[in-house]
Amino acid sequence: MDERTTPEFAVRAIGLTKKYPRGEGEFLALSNVDLTVERGEFVAIMGASGSGKSTMLHLIAGLTRPTSGEVELEGVKIGKMGDRALTIFRRRRIGIVFQSYNLIPHLTAEENILFPLRADGRRLDATTMAKLRAFWSELELSEQLGQYPDSLSGGQQQRVALARALCSDPVALLADEPTGNLDWTAGQAICRIFDRLNREEARTILLVTHEPAVAVWAKRIVVLRDGEIVGDFPRSEVGDASELAARYQELARVSRSV
């Protein structure tokens, strides 16, 4: 897309609805949700288990198809793509970090990081590798590049997963409970990396979490309840994690019937 016509938003969800079969009926996981994330925004999506937050992220990432509605990434409508085209687009333009790291056990850390680029058939010249290794050094991974995932700590594995997600310079970084398997110290270290990526590199980040201590690092908070957005406010409206927790609990009591 020509830079002059690139929209200001990185991600836009329009009327997203997702239903799953349940017994003889259906379970409505997400109900007609609209969300726009501008380029360079850092947005946290909060919600309890079953609120629809991970479903929403998976729909935006193209990992599952909506029942109705559309997802646009910098103006590209991914819902009309075939499976192969969507896989290629996701590999090239969407960075995803999961709670469980999803590293390939028989590949080294460096091989895991470079896997999407290798799978895409990209040539990695000396200049590109120098830039990548400089970033890995910032993530404190230089000493771990030759190690296999099972020899790394949880925090190190998540940094490897983060480096892999960013290696293709994606439209947006999508993180699904990225600190869920980490202790407090390692989790906050990952949050600091997200914060730096957003502040210093203007990375667009969409992070799903149920933890106020994680969400408080974002610049905008979106709260889901029963598959609907019940809160959307700037981080500046709350002071610290405890104030965010109180605001979140208040919004979480809102239901569809209200």
Protein backbone atom coordinates (compact mmCIF):
# COMPACT_ATOMS: atom_id res chain seq x y z
CA MET A 1 0.00 0.00 0.00
CA ASP A 2 1.26 3.47 -0.88
CA GLU A 3 2.42 5.35 2.21
CA ARG A 4 0.18 8.30 1.27
CA THR A 5 -2.91 6.10 1.44
CA THR A 6 -1.99 4.12 4.53
CA PRO A 7 -4.74 4.70 7.12
CA GLU A 8 -3.93 6.03 10.56
CA PHE A 9 -5.19 2.88 12.20
CA ALA A 10 -3.16 -0.29 12.49
CA VAL A 11 -6.06 -2.54 13.50
CA ARG A 12 -9.79 -2.17 13.07
CA ALA A 13 -12.47 -4.65 14.07
CA ILE A 14 -15.94 -3.98 12.69
CA GLY A 15 -18.97 -5.78 14.09
CA LEU A 16 -16.96 -8.81 15.17
CA THR A 17 -19.15 -11.68 16.27
CA LYS A 18 -18.07 -15.22 17.06
CA LYS A 19 -20.36 -18.12 17.93
CA TYR A 20 -19.32 -21.64 18.88
CA PRO A 21 -21.50 -24.77 18.93
CA ARG A 22 -22.52 -25.79 22.44
CA GLY A 23 -24.67 -28.87 22.82
CA GLU A 24 -27.78 -28.31 20.74
CA GLY A 25 -27.30 -24.55 20.73
CA GLU A 26 -24.59 -21.94 20.42
CA PHE A 27 -22.25 -20.02 22.72
CA LEU A 28 -21.84 -16.34 21.85
CA ALA A 29 -18.17 -15.62 22.59
CA LEU A 30 -18.07 -12.17 20.99
CA SER A 31 -21.01 -9.94 20.13
CA ASN A 32 -20.83 -7.22 17.45
CA VAL A 33 -17.60 -5.67 18.75
CA ASP A 34 -16.04 -2.57 17.17
CA LEU A 35 -12.47 -1.57 18.00
CA THR A 36 -9.94 0.70 16.32
CA VAL A 37 -6.28 0.75 17.33
CA GLU A 38 -4.25 3.58 15.86
CA ARG A 39 -0.68 3.12 14.72
CA GLY A 40 1.66 3.44 17.66
CA GLU A 41 -1.02 2.75 20.29
CA PHE A 42 -0.45 0.38 23.22
CA VAL A 43 -3.82 -1.12 24.15
CA ALA A 44 -4.58 -3.65 26.88
CA ILE A 45 -7.73 -5.75 26.61
CA MET A 46 -8.86 -6.90 30.04
CA GLY A 47 -11.50 -9.42 30.98
CA ALA A 48 -12.19 -12.45 33.09
CA SER A 49 -12.00 -15.99 31.75
CA GLY A 50 -14.75 -16.41 29.17
CA SER A 51 -15.13 -12.68 28.54
CA GLY A 52 -14.08 -13.04 24.89
CA LYS A 53 -10.71 -11.29 25.10
CA SER A 54 -8.60 -14.14 23.69
CA THR A 55 -11.26 -14.89 21.07
CA MET A 56 -11.05 -11.26 19.97
CA LEU A 57 -7.27 -11.38 19.69
CA HIS A 58 -7.38 -14.63 17.72
CA LEU A 59 -9.89 -13.12 15.31
CA ILE A 60 -7.71 -10.05 14.81
CA ALA A 61 -4.70 -12.30 14.24
CA GLY A 62 -6.58 -14.34 11.66
CA LEU A 63 -6.13 -17.51 13.70
CA THR A 64 -9.87 -18.12 13.57
CA ARG A 65 -12.64 -16.77 11.37
CA PRO A 66 -15.49 -14.60 12.69
CA THR A 67 -19.09 -15.67 12.41
CA SER A 68 -19.72 -12.16 11.13
CA GLY A 69 -17.85 -8.88 10.97
CA GLU A 70 -14.50 -7.88 9.53
CA VAL A 71 -10.90 -7.28 10.58
CA GLU A 72 -8.66 -4.76 8.83
CA LEU A 73 -4.92 -4.41 9.32
CA GLU A 74 -3.69 -1.10 7.88
CA GLY A 75 -6.68 -1.19 5.54
CA VAL A 76 -6.23 -4.81 4.42
CA LYS A 77 -9.38 -6.86 4.98
CA ILE A 78 -8.19 -10.26 6.08
CA GLY A 79 -11.60 -11.93 6.24
CA LYS A 80 -11.80 -12.30 2.47
CA MET A 81 -8.40 -13.96 2.17
CA GLY A 82 -8.05 -17.64 1.43
CA ASP A 83 -6.26 -19.81 3.98
CA ARG A 84 -2.90 -19.78 2.18
CA ALA A 85 -2.94 -16.03 1.56
CA LEU A 86 -3.93 -15.40 5.17
CA THR A 87 -1.12 -17.62 6.45
CA ILE A 88 1.43 -15.70 4.37
CA PHE A 89 0.00 -12.33 5.43
CA ARG A 90 0.03 -13.33 9.11
CA ARG A 91 3.62 -14.54 8.86
CA ARG A 92 4.74 -11.30 7.23
CA ARG A 93 2.59 -8.65 8.89
CA ILE A 94 1.32 -9.89 12.28
CA GLY A 95 3.47 -10.56 15.32
CA ILE A 96 1.93 -12.91 17.90
CA VAL A 97 3.15 -13.80 21.39
CA PHE A 98 1.34 -16.49 23.37
CA GLN A 99 1.27 -17.39 27.05
CA SER A 100 2.82 -20.79 26.30
CA TYR A 101 5.70 -19.37 24.15
CA ASN A 102 5.05 -21.89 21.30
CA LEU A 103 8.75 -22.42 20.61
CA ILE A 104 9.92 -25.36 18.50
CA PRO A 105 11.82 -27.63 20.93
CA HIS A 106 14.37 -29.05 18.46
CA LEU A 107 15.44 -25.60 17.21
CA THR A 108 17.86 -23.28 18.99
CA ALA A 109 16.73 -19.87 20.22
CA GLU A 110 18.19 -18.20 17.14
CA GLU A 111 16.63 -20.75 14.81
CA ASN A 112 13.25 -20.21 16.51
CA ILE A 113 13.53 -16.44 16.10
CA LEU A 114 14.43 -16.69 12.42
CA PHE A 115 11.92 -19.43 11.62
CA PRO A 116 9.21 -17.12 10.15
CA LEU A 117 11.77 -15.43 7.88
CA ARG A 118 13.23 -18.75 6.75
CA ALA A 119 9.73 -20.15 6.14
CA ASP A 120 9.02 -17.10 3.99
CA GLY A 121 12.13 -17.75 1.92
CA ARG A 122 13.78 -14.45 2.85
CA ARG A 123 17.48 -13.87 2.37
CA LEU A 124 19.23 -12.65 5.48
CA ASP A 125 22.25 -10.61 4.51
CA ALA A 126 24.96 -9.40 6.89
CA THR A 127 23.31 -6.00 7.40
CA THR A 128 19.96 -7.55 8.31
CA MET A 129 21.56 -10.03 10.69
CA ALA A 130 23.55 -7.26 12.38
CA LYS A 131 20.36 -5.32 13.05
CA LEU A 132 18.59 -8.40 14.35
CA ARG A 133 21.46 -9.33 16.65
CA ALA A 134 21.56 -5.77 18.02
CA PHE A 135 17.89 -6.13 18.95
CA TRP A 136 18.48 -9.54 20.50
CA SER A 137 21.22 -7.99 22.59
CA GLU A 138 18.74 -5.40 23.86
CA LEU A 139 16.50 -8.31 24.87
CA GLU A 140 19.48 -9.84 26.74
CA LEU A 141 19.43 -12.92 24.53
CA SER A 142 22.96 -12.84 23.09
CA GLU A 143 24.18 -15.60 25.42
CA GLN A 144 21.16 -17.82 24.79
CA LEU A 145 21.00 -17.85 20.98
CA GLY A 146 22.60 -21.29 20.67
CA GLN A 147 20.54 -22.88 23.43
CA TYR A 148 17.41 -24.98 23.08
CA PRO A 149 14.10 -23.91 24.66
CA ASP A 150 14.14 -26.50 27.44
CA SER A 151 17.38 -25.03 28.78
CA LEU A 152 15.94 -21.51 29.03
CA SER A 153 13.95 -19.94 31.84
CA GLY A 154 10.34 -18.91 31.24
CA GLY A 155 11.34 -15.27 30.91
CA GLN A 156 14.05 -16.11 28.40
CA GLN A 157 11.67 -18.25 26.36
CA GLN A 158 9.16 -15.42 26.26
CA ARG A 159 11.85 -12.98 25.09
CA VAL A 160 12.74 -15.45 22.32
CA ALA A 161 9.05 -15.60 21.36
CA LEU A 162 8.92 -11.80 21.38
CA ALA A 163 12.00 -11.52 19.17
CA ARG A 164 10.43 -14.02 16.75
CA ALA A 165 7.18 -12.05 16.66
CA LEU A 166 9.01 -8.83 15.81
CA CYS A 167 11.55 -10.14 13.29
CA SER A 168 9.27 -9.42 10.31
CA ASP A 169 8.46 -5.83 11.43
CA PRO A 170 4.73 -6.50 11.82
CA VAL A 171 1.82 -4.07 11.55
CA ALA A 172 0.99 -4.86 15.18
CA LEU A 173 2.28 -7.00 18.01
CA LEU A 174 -0.52 -9.12 19.49
CA ALA A 175 0.17 -10.65 22.91
CA ASP A 176 -2.20 -13.17 24.53
CA GLU A 177 -1.57 -13.33 28.31
CA PRO A 178 2.21 -13.07 27.68
CA THR A 179 3.06 -13.02 31.40
CA GLY A 180 0.64 -15.78 32.41
CA ASN A 181 3.35 -18.43 32.87
CA LEU A 182 5.92 -16.09 34.42
CA ASP A 183 6.65 -15.06 37.98
CA TRP A 184 6.25 -11.43 39.04
CA THR A 185 9.82 -10.36 38.28
CA ALA A 186 9.97 -11.99 34.85
CA GLY A 187 6.47 -10.76 33.98
CA GLN A 188 7.28 -7.16 34.83
CA ALA A 189 10.51 -7.43 32.81
CA ILE A 190 8.44 -8.41 29.76
CA CYS A 191 6.11 -5.47 30.45
CA ARG A 192 9.08 -3.10 30.49
CA ILE A 193 10.13 -4.43 27.07
CA PHE A 194 6.62 -3.78 25.70
CA ASP A 195 6.75 -0.29 27.17
CA ARG A 196 10.11 0.46 25.55
CA LEU A 197 9.01 -0.92 22.18
CA ASN A 198 5.98 1.34 22.25
CA ARG A 199 7.71 4.49 23.52
CA GLU A 200 10.97 4.31 21.61
CA GLU A 201 9.96 2.48 18.43
CA ALA A 202 6.26 3.46 18.24
CA ARG A 203 5.29 -0.20 18.03
CA THR A 204 1.57 -0.89 17.93
CA ILE A 205 0.76 -3.35 20.71
CA LEU A 206 -2.50 -5.10 21.54
CA LEU A 207 -2.14 -7.06 24.77
CA VAL A 208 -4.70 -9.38 26.36
CA THR A 209 -4.50 -9.85 30.12
CA HIS A 210 -6.61 -10.23 33.25
CA GLU A 211 -3.87 -8.76 35.45
CA PRO A 212 -4.08 -5.05 36.36
CA ALA A 213 -0.32 -5.02 37.08
CA VAL A 214 0.25 -5.92 33.41
CA ALA A 215 -2.50 -3.82 31.84
CA VAL A 216 -1.32 -0.72 33.69
CA TRP A 217 1.70 -0.54 31.36
CA ALA A 218 -0.58 0.16 28.38
CA LYS A 219 -1.74 3.63 27.30
CA ARG A 220 -5.37 2.61 26.77
CA ILE A 221 -7.53 0.04 28.54
CA VAL A 222 -10.43 -1.86 26.96
CA VAL A 223 -12.59 -4.06 29.22
CA LEU A 224 -14.65 -6.97 27.90
CA ARG A 225 -17.53 -8.66 29.67
CA ASP A 226 -19.74 -11.39 28.18
CA GLY A 227 -18.32 -10.76 24.71
CA GLU A 228 -19.00 -7.03 24.70
CA ILE A 229 -16.87 -3.95 25.38
CA VAL A 230 -18.04 -2.38 28.66
CA GLY A 231 -15.13 0.02 29.15
CA ASP A 232 -12.65 1.90 26.97
CA PHE A 233 -10.55 4.60 28.62
CA PRO A 234 -7.04 6.07 28.63
CA ARG A 235 -4.55 4.70 31.13
CA SER A 236 -4.14 8.25 32.48
CA GLU A 237 -7.58 8.02 34.10
CA VAL A 238 -6.24 5.60 36.71
CA GLY A 239 -3.19 6.10 38.88
CA ASP A 240 -1.62 2.75 39.65
CA ALA A 241 -2.45 -0.96 39.32
CA SER A 242 -4.68 -0.90 42.41
CA GLU A 243 -6.79 1.93 40.99
CA LEU A 244 -7.02 0.13 37.67
CA ALA A 245 -8.07 -3.05 39.50
CA ALA A 246 -10.90 -1.14 41.22
CA ARG A 247 -12.05 0.40 37.93
CA TYR A 248 -11.88 -2.98 36.22
CA GLN A 249 -13.90 -4.71 38.94
CA GLU A 250 -16.57 -2.02 38.70
CA LEU A 251 -16.86 -2.41 34.95
CA ALA A 252 -16.77 -6.21 35.18
CA ARG A 253 -20.06 -6.10 37.05
CA VAL A 254 -21.77 -4.60 33.99
CA SER A 255 -23.77 -7.14 32.00
CA ARG A 256 -25.63 -7.24 28.71
CA SER A 257 -28.90 -6.60 30.49
CA VAL A 258 -27.69 -3.19 31.77
